[in-house]
Amino acid sequence: MELTDLSAKEIAHGYRAKTFSAVDVAHAHLTRTDKENPKLNAYLEVFDDVLEHAKEADTVLATKGSAAHTLTGVPIAVKDNILIKGKRASAASKMLENHVATYDATAISKLKAAGALFLGRTNMDEFAMGSSTEHSAFGVTRNPHDLTRVPGGSSGGSAAAVAAHLAPVALGSETCGSIRQPASLCGLVGLKPTYGAVSRSGLIAMGSSLDQIGSFSRNVADTELIFETVRGHDALDGTTLPTDGQKKVANKKIGVPRDFVKDADPRVQESFEKSLAALSKNGYEIVDITFPSAPYALAAYYIVMPAEVSTNLARFDGMRYGLSYEGKNLREEYDVARARGFGPETKRRIILGAHVLSSGYYDAYYRRATALRGVIAEDLRKAFESVSYIATPTTPGAAFKIGEKSDPLSMYLEDVFAAPANLTGIPAISVPSAKVLRDGTELPVGIQFMSPKRTESSLFAIARDLLGETV
């Protein structure tokens, strides 16, 4: 087996068995990236100090041996909106093209303390606004399973890097399915943790009440490893939860909102039912449930999210940091910097957000959407009184062709099954379900499981049971 085929835990085991070194692993991933990244565009930048840090990891491993953290010397890719001190962090936007982070995101600090090896920063939809990674200012990322198709988004670069074996694990971020959707389209495990379980300090904000850092991997064990490393309370983020307080679900009942999932592609529905049948044979009980507010979650999201985008991106004014333009007056400098710095999708969401927050429309749109979040949360609370998990397909279909969804509304519908978890802050995981045939190509699709807040360990358990992984 090639070193680039190994999981994070397999790499850690190899270090301790002295089968290979961190330099060997780093070199293997860099070599493969040199070959594959030009056609994938998964990485925007591969760091030039990878081998140097790999040597440092080998020293730590030689000194500490089995006492070293499992992630010591393990390569990881990082989405371009998560700050690494001294490295560029552009959020795939011309507005921040040359921005160099002055501090580490808390998640990065924890990974550095564990000795993880950062390979590079991955492509994404600009400021995390998109479901395909077609909206990057630095080019489209392509799906390793079919180069004519998207990898999903907005964390598509991270997903493509892991799926193409350019990294064993990667960090992404989710505002509405931006980890789970690319995980599904690239055949990976993708976790969106409970809101507040992982600090958002050092994550370039899109929608502050929705954003959450999560991860991609090729198995459940690595996903759990990353989560356990980066989670916990952070004084720099007032929304983080106490480090303790993890819970487990009460039973093995899976609720399925049939009316909600009926519009998915028939081939996706078929793979979804097969996954449920496999879990049923493994001791899980499948229960049909009602989730009346679910179809309205996407509409609520596309009001709440642009409102928060409009507020968060107001700071990019061409004055303090980011792209600047010397104009005739202050207004011209401001207008030109934002016109040149932001791409079409980002501008669209800023304008929409400004509209729903404006006088005369706030009550009609934003206040109603906020109220609907409460209704969705209550529906989920009632559902979780009788079941421990809610299952849906992760996405309505398999990966679509690059340029296929030029209509923004058709792109937004990709998030339909993701929205409830983000709006209510519950955890959700996407697990590879099957492969479906589309235009003569077999493409992966995923199944997602949602569970009550702070029950990530139970999500890992059901994911393991589906994939046949042992602890």
Protein backbone atom coordinates (compact mmCIF):
# COMPACT_ATOMS: atom_id res chain seq x y z
CA MET A 1 0.00 0.00 0.00
CA GLU A 2 1.20 3.51 -0.85
CA LEU A 3 1.82 5.86 2.06
CA THR A 4 -0.79 8.22 0.63
CA ASP A 5 -3.42 5.46 0.95
CA LEU A 6 -3.01 5.22 4.72
CA SER A 7 -5.44 6.73 7.19
CA ALA A 8 -4.30 9.09 9.94
CA LYS A 9 -4.39 6.32 12.52
CA GLU A 10 -2.54 3.92 10.21
CA ILE A 11 0.16 6.55 9.72
CA ALA A 12 0.44 7.00 13.49
CA HIS A 13 0.75 3.22 13.94
CA GLY A 14 3.46 3.09 11.26
CA TYR A 15 5.46 5.77 13.06
CA ARG A 16 5.39 3.83 16.30
CA ALA A 17 6.31 0.60 14.52
CA LYS A 18 9.17 2.52 12.83
CA THR A 19 7.92 1.31 9.43
CA PHE A 20 8.40 4.78 7.95
CA SER A 21 9.07 8.34 9.09
CA ALA A 22 7.11 11.59 9.03
CA VAL A 23 9.50 12.81 6.33
CA ASP A 24 8.63 9.74 4.23
CA VAL A 25 4.89 10.42 4.62
CA ALA A 26 5.24 14.13 3.93
CA HIS A 27 7.36 13.49 0.85
CA ALA A 28 4.85 10.96 -0.49
CA HIS A 29 1.96 13.39 -0.13
CA LEU A 30 3.92 16.27 -1.65
CA THR A 31 4.93 14.11 -4.62
CA ARG A 32 1.37 12.99 -5.23
CA THR A 33 0.12 16.56 -4.86
CA ASP A 34 2.64 17.82 -7.41
CA LYS A 35 1.23 15.30 -9.87
CA GLU A 36 -2.50 15.52 -9.18
CA ASN A 37 -3.22 19.04 -7.96
CA PRO A 38 -2.73 20.82 -11.31
CA LYS A 39 -5.79 19.04 -12.70
CA LEU A 40 -7.84 19.12 -9.47
CA ASN A 41 -7.03 22.59 -8.09
CA ALA A 42 -7.71 21.25 -4.60
CA TYR A 43 -4.85 23.21 -3.02
CA LEU A 44 -4.44 26.94 -3.53
CA GLU A 45 -1.04 26.71 -1.87
CA VAL A 46 1.20 23.88 -0.71
CA PHE A 47 3.34 25.14 2.15
CA ASP A 48 7.11 25.29 1.60
CA ASP A 49 7.97 24.24 5.16
CA VAL A 50 6.27 20.84 5.20
CA LEU A 51 9.46 18.76 5.17
CA GLU A 52 11.04 20.99 7.82
CA HIS A 53 8.11 20.39 10.17
CA ALA A 54 8.13 16.68 9.28
CA LYS A 55 11.73 16.47 10.54
CA GLU A 56 10.63 18.15 13.77
CA ALA A 57 7.82 15.60 14.10
CA ASP A 58 10.31 12.74 13.68
CA THR A 59 12.37 14.19 16.51
CA VAL A 60 9.29 14.35 18.77
CA LEU A 61 8.35 10.77 17.84
CA ALA A 62 11.86 9.55 18.56
CA THR A 63 11.83 11.29 21.94
CA LYS A 64 8.29 10.57 23.13
CA GLY A 65 7.53 7.34 21.29
CA SER A 66 4.07 6.02 22.10
CA ALA A 67 3.49 9.00 24.42
CA ALA A 68 3.36 11.35 21.42
CA HIS A 69 -0.09 12.51 20.31
CA THR A 70 -1.70 10.30 17.67
CA LEU A 71 -1.67 13.22 15.22
CA THR A 72 2.05 13.94 15.58
CA GLY A 73 3.48 14.03 12.07
CA VAL A 74 0.11 13.28 10.44
CA PRO A 75 -0.51 15.47 7.35
CA ILE A 76 -3.63 17.62 7.25
CA ALA A 77 -5.07 20.02 4.69
CA VAL A 78 -6.78 23.23 5.83
CA LYS A 79 -9.60 25.18 4.20
CA ASP A 80 -8.53 28.65 3.11
CA ASN A 81 -10.81 30.44 5.61
CA ILE A 82 -9.11 29.01 8.74
CA LEU A 83 -6.19 31.09 9.98
CA ILE A 84 -2.66 29.70 10.30
CA LYS A 85 -0.24 32.28 11.67
CA GLY A 86 2.21 33.47 9.03
CA LYS A 87 0.27 31.83 6.18
CA ARG A 88 -2.06 33.39 3.66
CA ALA A 89 -5.77 33.08 4.33
CA SER A 90 -7.76 34.50 1.43
CA ALA A 91 -11.15 32.80 1.79
CA ALA A 92 -10.65 32.23 -1.98
CA SER A 93 -11.41 35.91 -2.59
CA LYS A 94 -9.55 38.69 -4.39
CA MET A 95 -10.54 40.85 -1.42
CA LEU A 96 -8.09 38.93 0.80
CA GLU A 97 -5.72 37.58 -1.85
CA ASN A 98 -2.58 38.74 -0.04
CA HIS A 99 -3.84 38.61 3.54
CA VAL A 100 -1.41 36.88 5.91
CA ALA A 101 -2.83 35.59 9.19
CA THR A 102 -1.37 37.20 12.30
CA TYR A 103 -2.59 34.49 14.68
CA ASP A 104 -3.73 30.88 14.70
CA ALA A 105 -7.34 29.79 14.75
CA THR A 106 -8.02 27.93 17.99
CA ALA A 107 -8.56 24.69 16.06
CA ILE A 108 -5.15 25.19 14.45
CA SER A 109 -3.52 25.90 17.82
CA LYS A 110 -4.86 22.60 19.14
CA LEU A 111 -3.65 20.71 16.07
CA LYS A 112 -0.22 22.35 16.37
CA ALA A 113 -0.06 21.29 20.01
CA ALA A 114 -0.84 17.75 18.84
CA GLY A 115 2.01 17.93 16.32
CA ALA A 116 -0.09 17.73 13.14
CA LEU A 117 1.66 18.51 9.86
CA PHE A 118 -0.06 21.22 7.77
CA LEU A 119 0.27 20.51 4.05
CA GLY A 120 -1.41 23.56 2.58
CA ARG A 121 -4.56 25.63 2.19
CA THR A 122 -7.43 24.29 0.10
CA ASN A 123 -9.72 25.92 -2.41
CA MET A 124 -13.29 26.89 -1.53
CA ASP A 125 -16.23 28.95 -2.69
CA GLU A 126 -15.46 32.60 -2.01
CA PHE A 127 -16.10 33.40 1.66
CA ALA A 128 -17.74 29.93 1.83
CA MET A 129 -20.65 31.04 -0.37
CA GLY A 130 -21.52 28.16 -2.67
CA SER A 131 -22.21 24.47 -2.99
CA SER A 132 -19.77 23.52 -5.74
CA THR A 133 -16.41 25.33 -5.32
CA GLU A 134 -17.10 26.99 -8.66
CA HIS A 135 -17.23 30.40 -6.97
CA SER A 136 -13.57 30.66 -6.02
CA ALA A 137 -11.65 33.66 -7.31
CA PHE A 138 -8.80 31.25 -8.08
CA GLY A 139 -10.48 28.68 -10.30
CA VAL A 140 -12.80 25.71 -10.03
CA THR A 141 -11.93 22.59 -8.03
CA ARG A 142 -12.71 19.30 -9.77
CA ASN A 143 -14.10 16.07 -8.36
CA PRO A 144 -11.46 13.29 -8.29
CA HIS A 145 -14.13 10.74 -9.28
CA ASP A 146 -14.91 12.65 -12.50
CA LEU A 147 -12.94 15.73 -13.49
CA THR A 148 -15.92 17.16 -15.38
CA ARG A 149 -17.92 17.38 -12.14
CA VAL A 150 -17.86 19.50 -9.01
CA PRO A 151 -16.62 18.19 -5.65
CA GLY A 152 -19.36 20.09 -3.80
CA GLY A 153 -18.83 23.12 -1.66
CA SER A 154 -18.00 25.34 -0.10
CA SER A 155 -15.27 23.07 1.32
CA GLY A 156 -14.70 21.38 -2.02
CA GLY A 157 -10.93 21.76 -2.01
CA SER A 158 -10.59 19.96 1.32
CA ALA A 159 -12.91 17.18 0.15
CA ALA A 160 -11.09 16.76 -3.17
CA ALA A 161 -7.71 16.66 -1.41
CA VAL A 162 -8.76 13.82 0.88
CA ALA A 163 -10.64 11.91 -1.85
CA ALA A 164 -7.62 12.14 -4.17
CA HIS A 165 -5.28 10.97 -1.37
CA LEU A 166 -3.45 14.30 -1.27
CA ALA A 167 -4.07 14.30 2.50
CA PRO A 168 -5.48 11.71 4.91
CA VAL A 169 -7.63 14.30 6.69
CA ALA A 170 -8.69 17.92 6.15
CA LEU A 171 -10.43 20.72 7.98
CA GLY A 172 -13.48 22.36 6.46
CA SER A 173 -16.24 24.65 7.65
CA GLU A 174 -20.01 24.44 7.45
CA THR A 175 -22.64 27.11 7.24
CA CYS A 176 -25.20 24.90 5.50
CA GLY A 177 -23.92 21.52 4.39
CA SER A 178 -20.52 22.79 3.30
CA ILE A 179 -18.82 19.73 4.81
CA ARG A 180 -21.53 17.12 4.48
CA GLN A 181 -22.41 17.89 0.86
CA PRO A 182 -18.84 17.65 -0.55
CA ALA A 183 -18.26 14.60 1.67
CA SER A 184 -21.23 12.97 -0.04
CA LEU A 185 -20.16 13.95 -3.56
CA CYS A 186 -16.57 12.80 -2.97
CA GLY A 187 -17.32 9.58 -1.04
CA LEU A 188 -15.98 10.68 2.35
CA VAL A 189 -16.99 10.87 5.99
CA GLY A 190 -17.80 14.48 6.89
CA LEU A 191 -18.78 15.81 10.32
CA LYS A 192 -20.64 19.01 11.18
CA PRO A 193 -20.32 19.19 14.99
CA THR A 194 -22.77 20.68 17.45
CA TYR A 195 -22.71 24.47 17.20
CA GLY A 196 -20.26 25.62 19.86
CA ALA A 197 -18.46 22.29 20.19
CA VAL A 198 -15.49 23.66 18.22
CA SER A 199 -14.25 27.23 18.54
CA ARG A 200 -14.87 29.61 15.65
CA SER A 201 -12.01 31.86 16.69
CA GLY A 202 -9.82 32.28 13.61
CA LEU A 203 -12.50 31.14 11.18
CA ILE A 204 -13.27 33.90 8.66
CA ALA A 205 -16.94 34.57 9.36
CA MET A 206 -19.76 34.04 6.90
CA GLY A 207 -22.85 33.44 9.05
CA SER A 208 -21.87 33.66 12.69
CA SER A 209 -24.89 31.83 14.12
CA LEU A 210 -24.42 29.01 11.59
CA ASP A 211 -20.68 28.52 10.97
CA GLN A 212 -18.86 25.55 12.45
CA ILE A 213 -15.46 23.96 11.83
CA GLY A 214 -15.50 20.24 11.03
CA SER A 215 -13.46 17.66 9.14
CA PHE A 216 -13.16 15.23 6.23
CA SER A 217 -11.58 11.80 6.28
CA ARG A 218 -11.81 8.44 4.55
CA ASN A 219 -13.03 6.63 7.69
CA VAL A 220 -14.91 7.28 10.93
CA ALA A 221 -11.92 6.77 13.24
CA ASP A 222 -10.01 9.69 11.73
CA THR A 223 -13.08 11.93 11.87
CA GLU A 224 -13.48 11.19 15.56
CA LEU A 225 -9.77 11.74 16.16
CA ILE A 226 -9.86 15.23 14.65
CA PHE A 227 -13.05 16.15 16.52
CA GLU A 228 -11.69 15.05 19.88
CA THR A 229 -8.51 17.06 19.23
CA VAL A 230 -10.11 20.38 18.24
CA ARG A 231 -13.29 20.47 20.35
CA GLY A 232 -13.69 22.21 23.68
CA HIS A 233 -14.40 25.52 25.37
CA ASP A 234 -12.43 28.53 24.20
CA ALA A 235 -12.23 31.87 26.02
CA LEU A 236 -11.78 33.54 22.61
CA ASP A 237 -15.24 32.38 21.44
CA GLY A 238 -18.15 33.14 23.73
CA THR A 239 -20.40 30.70 21.88
CA THR A 240 -18.29 27.62 22.69
CA LEU A 241 -19.72 24.98 24.99
CA PRO A 242 -18.03 23.51 28.08
CA THR A 243 -15.43 20.88 27.22
CA ASP A 244 -17.31 18.27 29.23
CA GLY A 245 -20.96 17.47 28.63
CA GLN A 246 -20.82 14.96 25.79
CA LYS A 247 -23.89 12.72 25.77
CA LYS A 248 -25.07 9.48 24.21
CA VAL A 249 -28.42 8.73 22.62
CA ALA A 250 -30.98 6.61 24.43
CA ASN A 251 -31.75 3.94 21.82
CA LYS A 252 -31.07 2.65 18.29
CA LYS A 253 -34.17 4.11 16.65
CA ILE A 254 -33.72 5.97 13.37
CA GLY A 255 -36.44 8.40 12.32
CA VAL A 256 -37.04 8.89 8.60
CA PRO A 257 -39.11 11.90 7.42
CA ARG A 258 -40.43 10.29 4.24
CA ASP A 259 -42.28 13.37 3.00
CA PHE A 260 -39.06 15.37 3.27
CA VAL A 261 -36.81 12.97 1.33
CA LYS A 262 -39.25 11.92 -1.41
CA ASP A 263 -37.95 14.45 -3.95
CA ALA A 264 -34.36 13.15 -3.98
CA ASP A 265 -33.07 11.50 -7.16
CA PRO A 266 -34.56 7.96 -7.39
CA ARG A 267 -31.07 6.43 -7.47
CA VAL A 268 -30.14 8.32 -4.32
CA GLN A 269 -33.34 7.17 -2.64
CA GLU A 270 -32.54 3.58 -3.60
CA SER A 271 -29.08 3.76 -2.01
CA PHE A 272 -30.61 5.48 1.03
CA GLU A 273 -33.08 2.62 1.55
CA LYS A 274 -30.31 0.04 1.17
CA SER A 275 -28.30 1.77 3.88
CA LEU A 276 -31.33 1.81 6.18
CA ALA A 277 -31.90 -1.90 5.49
CA ALA A 278 -28.28 -2.66 6.38
CA LEU A 279 -28.65 -0.78 9.66
CA SER A 280 -31.90 -2.61 10.38
CA LYS A 281 -30.03 -5.91 10.11
CA ASN A 282 -27.50 -4.46 12.55
CA GLY A 283 -30.07 -3.94 15.29
CA TYR A 284 -31.43 -0.48 14.44
CA GLU A 285 -35.17 0.18 14.29
CA ILE A 286 -36.38 2.30 11.37
CA VAL A 287 -39.33 4.54 12.24
CA ASP A 288 -41.27 6.89 9.96
CA ILE A 289 -41.59 10.33 11.53
CA THR A 290 -43.18 13.67 10.71
CA PHE A 291 -41.01 16.74 10.34
CA PRO A 292 -43.53 19.34 9.17
CA SER A 293 -41.22 22.36 9.18
CA ALA A 294 -38.35 20.66 7.34
CA PRO A 295 -39.36 21.82 3.82
CA TYR A 296 -39.22 25.45 5.03
CA ALA A 297 -35.74 25.22 6.55
CA LEU A 298 -33.97 26.09 3.31
CA ALA A 299 -36.09 29.22 2.82
CA ALA A 300 -35.33 30.32 6.39
CA TYR A 301 -31.64 29.68 5.86
CA TYR A 302 -31.50 31.79 2.71
CA ILE A 303 -32.86 34.74 4.69
CA VAL A 304 -30.84 34.35 7.89
CA MET A 305 -27.55 33.56 6.14
CA PRO A 306 -27.47 36.55 3.72
CA ALA A 307 -28.41 38.86 6.58
CA GLU A 308 -25.39 37.67 8.56
CA VAL A 309 -23.21 37.77 5.43
CA SER A 310 -24.18 41.39 4.80
CA THR A 311 -23.18 42.27 8.35
CA ASN A 312 -19.95 40.25 8.48
CA LEU A 313 -18.62 41.36 5.12
CA ALA A 314 -19.27 45.05 5.80
CA ARG A 315 -15.82 45.11 7.45
CA PHE A 316 -14.16 44.64 4.05
CA ASP A 317 -14.22 48.30 3.05
CA GLY A 318 -10.86 48.72 1.34
CA MET A 319 -9.59 50.79 4.25
CA ARG A 320 -8.28 48.63 7.08
CA TYR A 321 -7.17 45.41 5.36
CA GLY A 322 -7.74 43.51 2.18
CA LEU A 323 -7.93 44.91 -1.33
CA SER A 324 -7.68 48.70 -1.51
CA TYR A 325 -8.04 51.22 -4.31
CA GLU A 326 -6.85 54.82 -4.38
CA GLY A 327 -9.75 56.84 -5.73
CA LYS A 328 -10.87 60.46 -6.02
CA ASN A 329 -12.72 60.31 -2.73
CA LEU A 330 -13.63 57.96 0.10
CA ARG A 331 -16.83 56.77 -1.54
CA GLU A 332 -15.06 55.82 -4.77
CA GLU A 333 -12.34 53.94 -2.88
CA TYR A 334 -14.99 52.01 -0.96
CA ASP A 335 -17.13 51.23 -4.00
CA VAL A 336 -14.29 50.15 -6.28
CA ALA A 337 -12.58 47.98 -3.64
CA ARG A 338 -15.78 46.04 -2.98
CA ALA A 339 -16.71 45.84 -6.66
CA ARG A 340 -13.32 44.41 -7.58
CA GLY A 341 -12.76 42.40 -4.41
CA PHE A 342 -15.99 40.40 -4.30
CA GLY A 343 -17.22 37.88 -6.86
CA PRO A 344 -20.80 37.66 -8.25
CA GLU A 345 -22.17 35.15 -5.71
CA THR A 346 -20.77 37.09 -2.76
CA LYS A 347 -22.25 40.33 -4.08
CA ARG A 348 -25.60 38.60 -4.59
CA ARG A 349 -25.76 37.48 -0.98
CA ILE A 350 -24.61 40.83 0.41
CA ILE A 351 -27.36 42.60 -1.54
CA LEU A 352 -29.99 40.06 -0.49
CA GLY A 353 -28.91 40.36 3.14
CA ALA A 354 -29.03 44.15 3.07
CA HIS A 355 -32.53 43.91 1.60
CA VAL A 356 -33.99 41.56 4.23
CA LEU A 357 -32.53 43.69 7.03
CA SER A 358 -33.73 46.99 5.60
CA SER A 359 -36.50 49.09 7.09
CA GLY A 360 -39.86 47.83 5.88
CA TYR A 361 -38.62 44.31 5.13
CA TYR A 362 -37.05 43.25 8.44
CA ASP A 363 -40.37 42.14 9.93
CA ALA A 364 -41.60 40.56 6.70
CA TYR A 365 -38.49 38.44 6.15
CA TYR A 366 -35.80 38.32 8.81
CA ARG A 367 -38.04 38.25 11.87
CA ARG A 368 -40.21 35.50 10.35
CA ALA A 369 -37.16 33.44 9.38
CA THR A 370 -35.81 33.75 12.91
CA ALA A 371 -39.15 32.60 14.31
CA LEU A 372 -39.12 29.65 11.91
CA ARG A 373 -35.76 28.55 13.32
CA GLY A 374 -37.52 28.10 16.64
CA VAL A 375 -40.29 26.05 15.02
CA ILE A 376 -37.75 23.76 13.34
CA ALA A 377 -35.90 23.31 16.64
CA GLU A 378 -39.15 22.38 18.38
CA ASP A 379 -40.05 19.85 15.67
CA LEU A 380 -36.63 18.24 16.10
CA ARG A 381 -36.99 18.20 19.89
CA LYS A 382 -40.30 16.35 19.57
CA ALA A 383 -38.82 13.89 17.08
CA PHE A 384 -35.88 13.13 19.35
CA GLU A 385 -38.26 12.22 22.17
CA SER A 386 -38.98 8.96 20.33
CA VAL A 387 -35.95 8.40 18.07
CA SER A 388 -32.22 8.88 18.55
CA TYR A 389 -31.27 9.66 14.97
CA ILE A 390 -32.89 11.28 11.96
CA ALA A 391 -31.67 9.99 8.61
CA THR A 392 -31.94 11.56 5.16
CA PRO A 393 -29.89 11.43 1.99
CA THR A 394 -27.05 13.94 2.35
CA THR A 395 -27.77 15.50 -1.04
CA PRO A 396 -30.65 15.28 -3.54
CA GLY A 397 -28.34 13.86 -6.21
CA ALA A 398 -24.80 12.85 -7.10
CA ALA A 399 -22.11 15.28 -8.22
CA PHE A 400 -23.29 17.51 -11.05
CA LYS A 401 -21.34 18.78 -14.04
CA ILE A 402 -19.25 21.93 -13.74
CA GLY A 403 -21.45 24.77 -15.02
CA GLU A 404 -24.60 22.64 -14.89
CA LYS A 405 -26.30 24.69 -12.18
CA SER A 406 -25.81 28.22 -13.48
CA ASP A 407 -29.17 29.22 -12.02
CA PRO A 408 -28.52 30.20 -8.38
CA LEU A 409 -31.81 28.71 -7.18
CA SER A 410 -30.95 25.27 -8.54
CA MET A 411 -27.62 25.49 -6.72
CA TYR A 412 -29.29 26.53 -3.46
CA LEU A 413 -31.52 23.45 -3.56
CA GLU A 414 -28.41 21.32 -3.05
CA ASP A 415 -28.60 22.39 0.62
CA VAL A 416 -32.17 21.23 1.22
CA PHE A 417 -31.33 18.28 3.50
CA ALA A 418 -28.51 20.14 5.28
CA ALA A 419 -30.35 23.25 6.46
CA PRO A 420 -32.18 21.90 9.56
CA ALA A 421 -28.96 20.90 11.36
CA ASN A 422 -27.26 24.24 10.78
CA LEU A 423 -30.29 26.34 11.71
CA THR A 424 -30.73 24.48 15.00
CA GLY A 425 -27.10 23.75 15.91
CA ILE A 426 -27.41 19.96 16.16
CA PRO A 427 -24.58 17.68 14.97
CA ALA A 428 -24.77 15.76 11.70
CA ILE A 429 -22.53 13.36 9.84
CA SER A 430 -22.42 12.26 6.21
CA VAL A 431 -21.30 8.69 5.55
CA PRO A 432 -20.65 7.07 2.14
CA SER A 433 -23.77 5.16 1.18
CA ALA A 434 -23.26 3.73 -2.29
CA LYS A 435 -22.31 4.64 -5.82
CA VAL A 436 -24.86 5.58 -8.45
CA LEU A 437 -24.48 5.53 -12.22
CA ARG A 438 -24.73 8.92 -13.90
CA ASP A 439 -23.85 9.45 -17.56
CA GLY A 440 -21.92 6.19 -17.53
CA THR A 441 -19.82 7.09 -14.49
CA GLU A 442 -20.15 5.65 -10.99
CA LEU A 443 -20.38 8.48 -8.48
CA PRO A 444 -20.54 8.33 -4.68
CA VAL A 445 -23.52 9.52 -2.65
CA GLY A 446 -23.92 9.72 1.11
CA ILE A 447 -26.45 9.22 3.86
CA GLN A 448 -26.61 11.71 6.71
CA PHE A 449 -27.54 11.19 10.34
CA MET A 450 -28.59 13.96 12.71
CA SER A 451 -28.82 13.54 16.48
CA PRO A 452 -29.42 15.75 19.54
CA LYS A 453 -26.84 18.33 20.58
CA ARG A 454 -23.53 17.03 21.94
CA THR A 455 -24.08 13.42 20.86
CA GLU A 456 -21.23 13.21 18.33
CA SER A 457 -20.03 9.95 19.90
CA SER A 458 -23.34 8.35 18.96
CA LEU A 459 -23.01 9.63 15.39
CA PHE A 460 -19.60 7.99 15.19
CA ALA A 461 -21.16 4.76 16.48
CA ILE A 462 -23.90 4.57 13.84
CA ALA A 463 -21.44 5.56 11.12
CA ARG A 464 -19.12 2.73 12.19
CA ASP A 465 -21.99 0.27 12.20
CA LEU A 466 -22.96 1.24 8.64
CA LEU A 467 -19.40 1.07 7.30
CA GLY A 468 -18.44 -2.02 9.29
CA GLU A 469 -15.59 -0.29 11.13
CA THR A 470 -14.37 -1.47 14.51
CA VAL A 471 -13.37 0.87 17.31
